[in-house]
Amino acid sequence: MPNHPAKPSPIFTEEFTEPLADRLNKEEAMLSFYWLGQAGFVLSTANWQLMIDPYLSDSLARKYTGKPLPHLRLMKPPLRLDEISRLDFVLCTHRHGDHMDPDTIRYFASKYSECRFVVPAPEQDYALSLGIAPGRLIGAVAEEQIILAADLKVRPLPAAHEEFERDALGRHRYVGFWLSAANHSIYHSGDSIPFDGLAKRLHDLGCEVALLPVNGRDDFRKSQGIPGNFSLQEAIQLCTEAEIKSIVAHHYGMFEFNTIPAELIDQAASEASELVQVVRARTSVRYMLGLAEGRNVV
């Protein structure tokens, strides 16, 4: 069983005006993370920089041109691919293009010769087709821990993108990642809905912060081949049951047909109980874990 942090720390925030690329070039005194839009995040410390589910291109807009649901961006990427100067690890929770973006992955695979990629084990052949060298690719299998650095360990967990999906070997095609990162415990669910046993597993892991999608699901989107995620209320309930102190609500504001109003997340944040801190993912905001006296949540 992984070691739990001594005491969960709330999320502190700091707005900034300079380009995100400039911000990422600064040395971090504590674990910091930044939202890239949709389910994408950058986690940064003095020792390493990691991205989860970066969608930094317009590949889906091109793919769905002329289709009933055009995937036009409602927000620009907060940084260009050619602006990123350091990248050590990339984690992808599943193959969907807004999580395992072929344009973004191809660029990273060619530019960062030392970067290592973690993808669900059933998607390794697809990852190789995007130009990732075999020696830099790690297949994620649920509950099999991956050690990326002395202060960075990853435990893949199953995810139910409305349903579980497995390959012929029983390996999950949708995963989430629990990270033990710089003495903090963070969970990124990938695309998922609640399922039996998840809250207990996260409680047992001593999860401190959950990065959860809140765009929900409905029959129309499912009929269009777009499986859904947690509702905002379900995400808060999961954190309450698992005794997770803070939630960062994301997976909104990217595509018109697959989002919820930001105001609903802000309202939930203002009405949240003392048990769970609700924070809406925003660009141009640095999220910090650890001692940050005097910072306020925005």
C-alpha atoms as a PDB file:
ATOM      1  CA  MET A   1       0.000   0.000   0.000  1.00  0.00           C
ATOM      2  CA  PRO A   2       1.432   3.441  -0.884  1.00  0.00           C
ATOM      3  CA  ASN A   3       2.418   5.800   1.921  1.00  0.00           C
ATOM      4  CA  HIS A   4      -0.202   8.472   2.582  1.00  0.00           C
ATOM      5  CA  PRO A   5       0.665  12.172   2.959  1.00  0.00           C
ATOM      6  CA  ALA A   6       0.729  13.216   6.603  1.00  0.00           C
ATOM      7  CA  LYS A   7      -2.192  15.627   6.096  1.00  0.00           C
ATOM      8  CA  PRO A   8      -4.004  16.720   2.931  1.00  0.00           C
ATOM      9  CA  SER A   9      -3.308  20.307   1.910  1.00  0.00           C
ATOM     10  CA  PRO A  10      -5.809  22.537   0.137  1.00  0.00           C
ATOM     11  CA  ILE A  11      -5.186  23.945  -3.300  1.00  0.00           C
ATOM     12  CA  PHE A  12      -3.847  27.478  -3.429  1.00  0.00           C
ATOM     13  CA  THR A  13      -4.004  29.578  -6.567  1.00  0.00           C
ATOM     14  CA  GLU A  14      -2.108  32.430  -8.146  1.00  0.00           C
ATOM     15  CA  GLU A  15      -3.204  34.277 -11.273  1.00  0.00           C
ATOM     16  CA  PHE A  16      -0.539  35.343 -13.759  1.00  0.00           C
ATOM     17  CA  THR A  17      -0.464  37.446 -16.900  1.00  0.00           C
ATOM     18  CA  GLU A  18       2.664  36.245 -18.698  1.00  0.00           C
ATOM     19  CA  PRO A  19       2.436  33.462 -21.315  1.00  0.00           C
ATOM     20  CA  LEU A  20       2.157  29.977 -19.856  1.00  0.00           C
ATOM     21  CA  ALA A  21       5.312  28.967 -21.724  1.00  0.00           C
ATOM     22  CA  ASP A  22       7.273  31.606 -19.799  1.00  0.00           C
ATOM     23  CA  ARG A  23       5.727  30.472 -16.567  1.00  0.00           C
ATOM     24  CA  LEU A  24       6.738  26.868 -17.181  1.00  0.00           C
ATOM     25  CA  ASN A  25      10.355  27.957 -17.640  1.00  0.00           C
ATOM     26  CA  LYS A  26      10.496  29.140 -14.039  1.00  0.00           C
ATOM     27  CA  GLU A  27      11.805  26.800 -11.374  1.00  0.00           C
ATOM     28  CA  GLU A  28       9.047  25.631  -9.071  1.00  0.00           C
ATOM     29  CA  ALA A  29       9.603  25.712  -5.314  1.00  0.00           C
ATOM     30  CA  MET A  30       6.603  23.411  -4.774  1.00  0.00           C
ATOM     31  CA  LEU A  31       4.390  21.143  -6.826  1.00  0.00           C
ATOM     32  CA  SER A  32       2.404  23.338  -9.219  1.00  0.00           C
ATOM     33  CA  PHE A  33      -0.032  22.512 -11.966  1.00  0.00           C
ATOM     34  CA  TYR A  34      -1.727  24.353 -14.819  1.00  0.00           C
ATOM     35  CA  TRP A  35      -4.818  23.638 -16.929  1.00  0.00           C
ATOM     36  CA  LEU A  36      -4.385  23.151 -20.668  1.00  0.00           C
ATOM     37  CA  GLY A  37      -8.095  22.969 -21.472  1.00  0.00           C
ATOM     38  CA  GLN A  38     -10.406  19.937 -21.635  1.00  0.00           C
ATOM     39  CA  ALA A  39      -8.735  17.227 -19.480  1.00  0.00           C
ATOM     40  CA  GLY A  40      -5.186  18.477 -20.013  1.00  0.00           C
ATOM     41  CA  PHE A  41      -2.836  19.507 -17.202  1.00  0.00           C
ATOM     42  CA  VAL A  42       0.850  20.269 -16.729  1.00  0.00           C
ATOM     43  CA  LEU A  43       2.396  19.220 -13.419  1.00  0.00           C
ATOM     44  CA  SER A  44       5.702  20.875 -12.651  1.00  0.00           C
ATOM     45  CA  THR A  45       8.396  20.622  -9.980  1.00  0.00           C
ATOM     46  CA  ALA A  46      12.056  21.582  -9.825  1.00  0.00           C
ATOM     47  CA  ASN A  47      12.877  17.988 -10.852  1.00  0.00           C
ATOM     48  CA  TRP A  48      10.449  17.218 -13.688  1.00  0.00           C
ATOM     49  CA  GLN A  49       7.597  18.401 -15.876  1.00  0.00           C
ATOM     50  CA  LEU A  50       4.681  16.146 -16.797  1.00  0.00           C
ATOM     51  CA  MET A  51       1.608  16.508 -18.990  1.00  0.00           C
ATOM     52  CA  ILE A  52      -1.625  14.553 -18.726  1.00  0.00           C
ATOM     53  CA  ASP A  53      -3.990  14.358 -21.726  1.00  0.00           C
ATOM     54  CA  PRO A  54      -2.652  17.415 -23.593  1.00  0.00           C
ATOM     55  CA  TYR A  55      -4.898  18.488 -26.485  1.00  0.00           C
ATOM     56  CA  LEU A  56      -2.917  21.345 -28.033  1.00  0.00           C
ATOM     57  CA  SER A  57      -3.865  21.128 -31.712  1.00  0.00           C
ATOM     58  CA  ASP A  58      -6.907  21.372 -33.962  1.00  0.00           C
ATOM     59  CA  SER A  59      -6.789  17.735 -35.045  1.00  0.00           C
ATOM     60  CA  LEU A  60     -10.404  17.064 -34.073  1.00  0.00           C
ATOM     61  CA  ALA A  61     -11.691  20.122 -35.941  1.00  0.00           C
ATOM     62  CA  ARG A  62     -10.083  18.711 -39.078  1.00  0.00           C
ATOM     63  CA  LYS A  63     -11.286  15.173 -38.407  1.00  0.00           C
ATOM     64  CA  TYR A  64     -14.914  16.227 -37.982  1.00  0.00           C
ATOM     65  CA  THR A  65     -15.147  18.873 -40.698  1.00  0.00           C
ATOM     66  CA  GLY A  66     -18.563  18.582 -42.339  1.00  0.00           C
ATOM     67  CA  LYS A  67     -19.843  16.145 -39.702  1.00  0.00           C
ATOM     68  CA  PRO A  68     -23.000  16.739 -37.621  1.00  0.00           C
ATOM     69  CA  LEU A  69     -20.959  17.745 -34.554  1.00  0.00           C
ATOM     70  CA  PRO A  70     -17.956  19.813 -35.668  1.00  0.00           C
ATOM     71  CA  HIS A  71     -15.263  19.829 -32.998  1.00  0.00           C
ATOM     72  CA  LEU A  72     -14.456  23.523 -33.175  1.00  0.00           C
ATOM     73  CA  ARG A  73     -12.488  24.870 -30.242  1.00  0.00           C
ATOM     74  CA  LEU A  74     -14.225  27.295 -27.905  1.00  0.00           C
ATOM     75  CA  MET A  75     -10.848  28.138 -26.344  1.00  0.00           C
ATOM     76  CA  LYS A  76      -7.395  28.474 -27.810  1.00  0.00           C
ATOM     77  CA  PRO A  77      -4.555  26.325 -26.489  1.00  0.00           C
ATOM     78  CA  PRO A  78      -2.824  28.208 -23.655  1.00  0.00           C
ATOM     79  CA  LEU A  79       0.525  27.481 -25.315  1.00  0.00           C
ATOM     80  CA  ARG A  80       1.813  26.397 -28.706  1.00  0.00           C
ATOM     81  CA  LEU A  81       3.650  23.140 -29.172  1.00  0.00           C
ATOM     82  CA  ASP A  82       6.828  24.930 -30.254  1.00  0.00           C
ATOM     83  CA  GLU A  83       6.815  27.056 -27.072  1.00  0.00           C
ATOM     84  CA  ILE A  84       7.389  24.132 -24.719  1.00  0.00           C
ATOM     85  CA  SER A  85      11.030  23.987 -23.686  1.00  0.00           C
ATOM     86  CA  ARG A  86      10.996  21.095 -21.190  1.00  0.00           C
ATOM     87  CA  LEU A  87       8.966  17.908 -21.035  1.00  0.00           C
ATOM     88  CA  ASP A  88       9.881  14.746 -19.178  1.00  0.00           C
ATOM     89  CA  PHE A  89       6.696  12.661 -19.125  1.00  0.00           C
ATOM     90  CA  VAL A  90       3.356  12.480 -20.952  1.00  0.00           C
ATOM     91  CA  LEU A  91       0.444  10.432 -19.618  1.00  0.00           C
ATOM     92  CA  CYS A  92      -2.617   9.645 -21.755  1.00  0.00           C
ATOM     93  CA  THR A  93      -5.704   8.131 -20.164  1.00  0.00           C
ATOM     94  CA  HIS A  94      -7.252   6.746 -23.381  1.00  0.00           C
ATOM     95  CA  ARG A  95      -7.176   6.946 -27.157  1.00  0.00           C
ATOM     96  CA  HIS A  96      -9.835   9.601 -27.833  1.00  0.00           C
ATOM     97  CA  GLY A  97      -8.341  12.498 -29.761  1.00  0.00           C
ATOM     98  CA  ASP A  98      -8.857  15.130 -27.073  1.00  0.00           C
ATOM     99  CA  HIS A  99      -6.860  12.985 -24.648  1.00  0.00           C
ATOM    100  CA  MET A 100      -4.330  11.222 -26.865  1.00  0.00           C
ATOM    101  CA  ASP A 101      -4.081  13.906 -29.520  1.00  0.00           C
ATOM    102  CA  PRO A 102      -2.175  12.503 -32.515  1.00  0.00           C
ATOM    103  CA  ASP A 103      -0.761  15.889 -33.566  1.00  0.00           C
ATOM    104  CA  THR A 104       0.444  16.723 -30.069  1.00  0.00           C
ATOM    105  CA  ILE A 105       1.905  13.274 -29.421  1.00  0.00           C
ATOM    106  CA  ARG A 106       3.716  13.152 -32.780  1.00  0.00           C
ATOM    107  CA  TYR A 107       5.321  16.516 -32.088  1.00  0.00           C
ATOM    108  CA  PHE A 108       6.400  15.580 -28.574  1.00  0.00           C
ATOM    109  CA  ALA A 109       7.753  12.213 -29.736  1.00  0.00           C
ATOM    110  CA  SER A 110       9.953  13.899 -32.328  1.00  0.00           C
ATOM    111  CA  LYS A 111      11.116  16.891 -30.270  1.00  0.00           C
ATOM    112  CA  TYR A 112      11.787  15.459 -26.811  1.00  0.00           C
ATOM    113  CA  SER A 113      14.164  12.558 -27.223  1.00  0.00           C
ATOM    114  CA  GLU A 114      14.200  11.701 -23.518  1.00  0.00           C
ATOM    115  CA  CYS A 115      10.481  12.130 -22.839  1.00  0.00           C
ATOM    116  CA  ARG A 116       8.674   8.968 -21.698  1.00  0.00           C
ATOM    117  CA  PHE A 117       5.055   8.241 -22.556  1.00  0.00           C
ATOM    118  CA  VAL A 118       2.516   6.277 -20.518  1.00  0.00           C
ATOM    119  CA  VAL A 119      -0.596   5.058 -22.357  1.00  0.00           C
ATOM    120  CA  PRO A 120      -3.130   2.296 -21.667  1.00  0.00           C
ATOM    121  CA  ALA A 121      -1.502  -1.027 -22.512  1.00  0.00           C
ATOM    122  CA  PRO A 122      -4.056  -1.856 -25.257  1.00  0.00           C
ATOM    123  CA  GLU A 123      -3.112   1.372 -27.076  1.00  0.00           C
ATOM    124  CA  GLN A 124       0.635   0.774 -27.296  1.00  0.00           C
ATOM    125  CA  ASP A 125       0.567  -0.143 -30.994  1.00  0.00           C
ATOM    126  CA  TYR A 126      -1.336   3.047 -31.762  1.00  0.00           C
ATOM    127  CA  ALA A 127       1.184   5.047 -29.730  1.00  0.00           C
ATOM    128  CA  LEU A 128       4.043   3.494 -31.683  1.00  0.00           C
ATOM    129  CA  SER A 129       2.325   4.553 -34.921  1.00  0.00           C
ATOM    130  CA  LEU A 130       2.533   8.153 -33.673  1.00  0.00           C
ATOM    131  CA  GLY A 131       6.319   7.972 -33.604  1.00  0.00           C
ATOM    132  CA  ILE A 132       7.051   7.095 -29.986  1.00  0.00           C
ATOM    133  CA  ALA A 133      10.165   4.958 -29.741  1.00  0.00           C
ATOM    134  CA  PRO A 134       9.492   1.577 -28.085  1.00  0.00           C
ATOM    135  CA  GLY A 135      12.036   2.226 -25.334  1.00  0.00           C
ATOM    136  CA  ARG A 136      10.214   5.394 -24.304  1.00  0.00           C
ATOM    137  CA  LEU A 137       6.737   3.849 -24.176  1.00  0.00           C
ATOM    138  CA  ILE A 138       5.141   2.355 -21.068  1.00  0.00           C
ATOM    139  CA  GLY A 139       1.880   0.410 -21.178  1.00  0.00           C
ATOM    140  CA  ALA A 140      -0.391   1.211 -18.256  1.00  0.00           C
ATOM    141  CA  VAL A 141      -2.150  -1.743 -16.638  1.00  0.00           C
ATOM    142  CA  ALA A 142      -4.622  -1.165 -13.819  1.00  0.00           C
ATOM    143  CA  GLU A 143      -3.028  -1.446 -10.368  1.00  0.00           C
ATOM    144  CA  GLU A 144       0.500  -2.019 -11.717  1.00  0.00           C
ATOM    145  CA  GLN A 145       2.634   0.787 -10.307  1.00  0.00           C
ATOM    146  CA  ILE A 146       4.980   2.720 -12.602  1.00  0.00           C
ATOM    147  CA  ILE A 147       8.005   4.503 -11.119  1.00  0.00           C
ATOM    148  CA  LEU A 148       8.989   7.467 -13.287  1.00  0.00           C
ATOM    149  CA  ALA A 149      11.274   9.273 -10.829  1.00  0.00           C
ATOM    150  CA  ALA A 150      12.300   9.072  -7.188  1.00  0.00           C
ATOM    151  CA  ASP A 151       9.479  11.460  -6.272  1.00  0.00           C
ATOM    152  CA  LEU A 152       7.004  10.441  -8.983  1.00  0.00           C
ATOM    153  CA  LYS A 153       5.072   7.188  -8.951  1.00  0.00           C
ATOM    154  CA  VAL A 154       1.991   6.413 -11.029  1.00  0.00           C
ATOM    155  CA  ARG A 155      -0.685   3.840 -10.299  1.00  0.00           C
ATOM    156  CA  PRO A 156      -3.146   3.314 -13.178  1.00  0.00           C
ATOM    157  CA  LEU A 157      -6.727   2.718 -12.077  1.00  0.00           C
ATOM    158  CA  PRO A 158      -9.696   1.515 -14.147  1.00  0.00           C
ATOM    159  CA  ALA A 159     -11.993   4.132 -15.668  1.00  0.00           C
ATOM    160  CA  ALA A 160     -15.563   3.665 -16.882  1.00  0.00           C
ATOM    161  CA  HIS A 161     -16.238   5.983 -19.838  1.00  0.00           C
ATOM    162  CA  GLU A 162     -19.887   5.132 -19.193  1.00  0.00           C
ATOM    163  CA  GLU A 163     -18.692   1.531 -19.499  1.00  0.00           C
ATOM    164  CA  PHE A 164     -15.494  -0.416 -18.895  1.00  0.00           C
ATOM    165  CA  GLU A 165     -13.765  -1.512 -22.064  1.00  0.00           C
ATOM    166  CA  ARG A 166     -11.036  -4.156 -22.122  1.00  0.00           C
ATOM    167  CA  ASP A 167      -8.879  -5.804 -24.757  1.00  0.00           C
ATOM    168  CA  ALA A 168      -8.586  -9.552 -25.351  1.00  0.00           C
ATOM    169  CA  LEU A 169      -6.117  -9.786 -22.453  1.00  0.00           C
ATOM    170  CA  GLY A 170      -8.515  -8.096 -20.055  1.00  0.00           C
ATOM    171  CA  ARG A 171      -6.542  -4.842 -19.907  1.00  0.00           C
ATOM    172  CA  HIS A 172      -8.497  -1.602 -19.560  1.00  0.00           C
ATOM    173  CA  ARG A 173      -8.652   0.748 -22.553  1.00  0.00           C
ATOM    174  CA  TYR A 174      -9.794   3.619 -20.303  1.00  0.00           C
ATOM    175  CA  VAL A 175      -7.705   4.376 -17.239  1.00  0.00           C
ATOM    176  CA  GLY A 176      -7.210   7.050 -14.650  1.00  0.00           C
ATOM    177  CA  PHE A 177      -3.939   7.824 -12.906  1.00  0.00           C
ATOM    178  CA  TRP A 178      -3.234   8.122  -9.183  1.00  0.00           C
ATOM    179  CA  LEU A 179       0.066   9.942  -8.745  1.00  0.00           C
ATOM    180  CA  SER A 180       2.363  10.116  -5.770  1.00  0.00           C
ATOM    181  CA  ALA A 181       4.062  13.328  -6.864  1.00  0.00           C
ATOM    182  CA  ALA A 182       6.524  15.344  -4.787  1.00  0.00           C
ATOM    183  CA  ASN A 183       4.978  14.032  -1.563  1.00  0.00           C
ATOM    184  CA  HIS A 184       1.429  14.758  -2.702  1.00  0.00           C
ATOM    185  CA  SER A 185      -1.350  12.408  -3.781  1.00  0.00           C
ATOM    186  CA  ILE A 186      -3.276  13.393  -6.930  1.00  0.00           C
ATOM    187  CA  TYR A 187      -5.924  11.537  -8.935  1.00  0.00           C
ATOM    188  CA  HIS A 188      -6.732  12.230 -12.589  1.00  0.00           C
ATOM    189  CA  SER A 189      -9.719  10.083 -13.504  1.00  0.00           C
ATOM    190  CA  GLY A 190      -9.466  10.356 -17.267  1.00  0.00           C
ATOM    191  CA  ASP A 191     -12.949  10.130 -18.778  1.00  0.00           C
ATOM    192  CA  SER A 192     -15.128   8.227 -16.349  1.00  0.00           C
ATOM    193  CA  ILE A 193     -18.402   7.990 -14.479  1.00  0.00           C
ATOM    194  CA  PRO A 194     -18.729   6.790 -10.865  1.00  0.00           C
ATOM    195  CA  PHE A 195     -18.439   3.056 -10.336  1.00  0.00           C
ATOM    196  CA  ASP A 196     -18.503   0.675  -7.403  1.00  0.00           C
ATOM    197  CA  GLY A 197     -15.315   0.598  -5.375  1.00  0.00           C
ATOM    198  CA  LEU A 198     -13.760   3.801  -6.737  1.00  0.00           C
ATOM    199  CA  ALA A 199     -14.382   5.964  -3.665  1.00  0.00           C
ATOM    200  CA  LYS A 200     -12.987   3.290  -1.330  1.00  0.00           C
ATOM    201  CA  ARG A 201      -9.912   2.795  -3.508  1.00  0.00           C
ATOM    202  CA  LEU A 202      -9.143   6.512  -3.542  1.00  0.00           C
ATOM    203  CA  HIS A 203      -9.716   6.693   0.206  1.00  0.00           C
ATOM    204  CA  ASP A 204      -7.335   3.792   0.753  1.00  0.00           C
ATOM    205  CA  LEU A 205      -4.734   5.561  -1.403  1.00  0.00           C
ATOM    206  CA  GLY A 206      -5.008   8.681   0.728  1.00  0.00           C
ATOM    207  CA  CYS A 207      -5.935  10.825  -2.250  1.00  0.00           C
ATOM    208  CA  GLU A 208      -5.492  14.534  -1.583  1.00  0.00           C
ATOM    209  CA  VAL A 209      -6.697  16.189  -4.797  1.00  0.00           C
ATOM    210  CA  ALA A 210      -8.943  14.899  -7.615  1.00  0.00           C
ATOM    211  CA  LEU A 211      -8.859  16.289 -11.150  1.00  0.00           C
ATOM    212  CA  LEU A 212     -12.304  15.287 -12.422  1.00  0.00           C
ATOM    213  CA  PRO A 213     -14.365  15.890 -15.584  1.00  0.00           C
ATOM    214  CA  VAL A 214     -17.764  17.415 -14.912  1.00  0.00           C
ATOM    215  CA  ASN A 215     -19.358  17.649 -18.363  1.00  0.00           C
ATOM    216  CA  GLY A 216     -21.851  14.896 -17.510  1.00  0.00           C
ATOM    217  CA  ARG A 217     -23.647  12.667 -19.990  1.00  0.00           C
ATOM    218  CA  ASP A 218     -27.003  12.287 -21.740  1.00  0.00           C
ATOM    219  CA  ASP A 219     -28.793  10.128 -24.274  1.00  0.00           C
ATOM    220  CA  PHE A 220     -28.188  12.527 -27.181  1.00  0.00           C
ATOM    221  CA  ARG A 221     -24.410  12.543 -26.799  1.00  0.00           C
ATOM    222  CA  LYS A 222     -24.368   8.789 -26.331  1.00  0.00           C
ATOM    223  CA  SER A 223     -26.419   8.372 -29.521  1.00  0.00           C
ATOM    224  CA  GLN A 224     -23.744  10.379 -31.337  1.00  0.00           C
ATOM    225  CA  GLY A 225     -20.974   8.105 -30.078  1.00  0.00           C
ATOM    226  CA  ILE A 226     -19.851  10.510 -27.364  1.00  0.00           C
ATOM    227  CA  PRO A 227     -19.745   8.676 -24.027  1.00  0.00           C
ATOM    228  CA  GLY A 228     -20.024  10.884 -20.986  1.00  0.00           C
ATOM    229  CA  ASN A 229     -18.455  11.581 -17.627  1.00  0.00           C
ATOM    230  CA  PHE A 230     -19.175  12.529 -14.044  1.00  0.00           C
ATOM    231  CA  SER A 231     -21.775  15.177 -13.491  1.00  0.00           C
ATOM    232  CA  LEU A 232     -20.616  17.998 -11.247  1.00  0.00           C
ATOM    233  CA  GLN A 233     -22.702  16.643  -8.392  1.00  0.00           C
ATOM    234  CA  GLU A 234     -21.295  13.123  -8.860  1.00  0.00           C
ATOM    235  CA  ALA A 235     -17.734  14.453  -8.814  1.00  0.00           C
ATOM    236  CA  ILE A 236     -18.348  16.284  -5.543  1.00  0.00           C
ATOM    237  CA  GLN A 237     -20.045  13.220  -4.086  1.00  0.00           C
ATOM    238  CA  LEU A 238     -17.083  11.021  -4.992  1.00  0.00           C
ATOM    239  CA  CYS A 239     -14.711  13.364  -3.192  1.00  0.00           C
ATOM    240  CA  THR A 240     -17.009  13.521  -0.177  1.00  0.00           C
ATOM    241  CA  GLU A 241     -17.201   9.726   0.080  1.00  0.00           C
ATOM    242  CA  ALA A 242     -13.452   9.285  -0.482  1.00  0.00           C
ATOM    243  CA  GLU A 243     -12.600  12.131   1.924  1.00  0.00           C
ATOM    244  CA  ILE A 244     -10.676  13.941  -0.804  1.00  0.00           C
ATOM    245  CA  LYS A 245     -10.125  17.521   0.331  1.00  0.00           C
ATOM    246  CA  SER A 246     -10.065  19.267  -3.060  1.00  0.00           C
ATOM    247  CA  ILE A 247     -11.513  18.810  -6.538  1.00  0.00           C
ATOM    248  CA  VAL A 248     -10.458  20.618  -9.705  1.00  0.00           C
ATOM    249  CA  ALA A 249     -13.422  20.502 -12.093  1.00  0.00           C
ATOM    250  CA  HIS A 250     -12.471  20.334 -15.784  1.00  0.00           C
ATOM    251  CA  HIS A 251     -13.536  18.952 -19.198  1.00  0.00           C
ATOM    252  CA  TYR A 252     -15.721  21.940 -19.998  1.00  0.00           C
ATOM    253  CA  GLY A 253     -15.484  24.918 -22.344  1.00  0.00           C
ATOM    254  CA  MET A 254     -13.806  23.137 -25.288  1.00  0.00           C
ATOM    255  CA  PHE A 255     -16.621  21.881 -27.539  1.00  0.00           C
ATOM    256  CA  GLU A 256     -20.084  23.433 -27.727  1.00  0.00           C
ATOM    257  CA  PHE A 257     -21.910  20.097 -27.651  1.00  0.00           C
ATOM    258  CA  ASN A 258     -19.971  18.652 -24.708  1.00  0.00           C
ATOM    259  CA  THR A 259     -19.684  21.177 -21.905  1.00  0.00           C
ATOM    260  CA  ILE A 260     -21.482  22.797 -18.972  1.00  0.00           C
ATOM    261  CA  PRO A 261     -21.639  26.495 -18.070  1.00  0.00           C
ATOM    262  CA  ALA A 262     -18.689  27.712 -16.025  1.00  0.00           C
ATOM    263  CA  GLU A 263     -21.167  29.516 -13.779  1.00  0.00           C
ATOM    264  CA  LEU A 264     -22.523  26.198 -12.518  1.00  0.00           C
ATOM    265  CA  ILE A 265     -19.069  25.166 -11.347  1.00  0.00           C
ATOM    266  CA  ASP A 266     -18.531  28.534  -9.671  1.00  0.00           C
ATOM    267  CA  GLN A 267     -21.892  28.217  -7.932  1.00  0.00           C
ATOM    268  CA  ALA A 268     -20.979  24.744  -6.677  1.00  0.00           C
ATOM    269  CA  ALA A 269     -17.687  26.147  -5.408  1.00  0.00           C
ATOM    270  CA  SER A 270     -19.471  28.878  -3.468  1.00  0.00           C
ATOM    271  CA  GLU A 271     -21.937  26.392  -1.979  1.00  0.00           C
ATOM    272  CA  ALA A 272     -19.472  23.600  -1.220  1.00  0.00           C
ATOM    273  CA  SER A 273     -19.288  22.207   2.262  1.00  0.00           C
ATOM    274  CA  GLU A 274     -16.197  22.471   4.390  1.00  0.00           C
ATOM    275  CA  LEU A 275     -15.443  18.846   3.525  1.00  0.00           C
ATOM    276  CA  VAL A 276     -14.585  19.445  -0.142  1.00  0.00           C
ATOM    277  CA  GLN A 277     -12.940  22.463  -1.748  1.00  0.00           C
ATOM    278  CA  VAL A 278     -14.313  22.892  -5.301  1.00  0.00           C
ATOM    279  CA  VAL A 279     -12.080  24.728  -7.764  1.00  0.00           C
ATOM    280  CA  ARG A 280     -12.924  25.400 -11.414  1.00  0.00           C
ATOM    281  CA  ALA A 281     -10.039  24.749 -13.789  1.00  0.00           C
ATOM    282  CA  ARG A 282      -8.938  28.006 -15.423  1.00  0.00           C
ATOM    283  CA  THR A 283      -6.116  29.061 -17.688  1.00  0.00           C
ATOM    284  CA  SER A 284      -3.584  31.693 -16.543  1.00  0.00           C
ATOM    285  CA  VAL A 285      -3.816  30.281 -13.027  1.00  0.00           C
ATOM    286  CA  ARG A 286      -1.106  28.438 -11.136  1.00  0.00           C
ATOM    287  CA  TYR A 287      -2.455  25.761  -8.799  1.00  0.00           C
ATOM    288  CA  MET A 288      -0.171  24.888  -5.905  1.00  0.00           C
ATOM    289  CA  LEU A 289       0.030  22.155  -3.321  1.00  0.00           C
ATOM    290  CA  GLY A 290       2.042  22.646  -0.179  1.00  0.00           C
ATOM    291  CA  LEU A 291       2.797  25.651   1.982  1.00  0.00           C
ATOM    292  CA  ALA A 292       1.606  28.805   0.281  1.00  0.00           C
ATOM    293  CA  GLU A 293       0.707  31.145   3.125  1.00  0.00           C
ATOM    294  CA  GLY A 294      -1.342  34.121   2.136  1.00  0.00           C
ATOM    295  CA  ARG A 295      -2.685  32.684  -1.133  1.00  0.00           C
ATOM    296  CA  ASN A 296      -6.401  32.750  -1.798  1.00  0.00           C
ATOM    297  CA  VAL A 297      -8.595  30.552  -3.939  1.00  0.00           C
ATOM    298  CA  VAL A 298      -9.968  32.394  -6.959  1.00  0.00           C
END
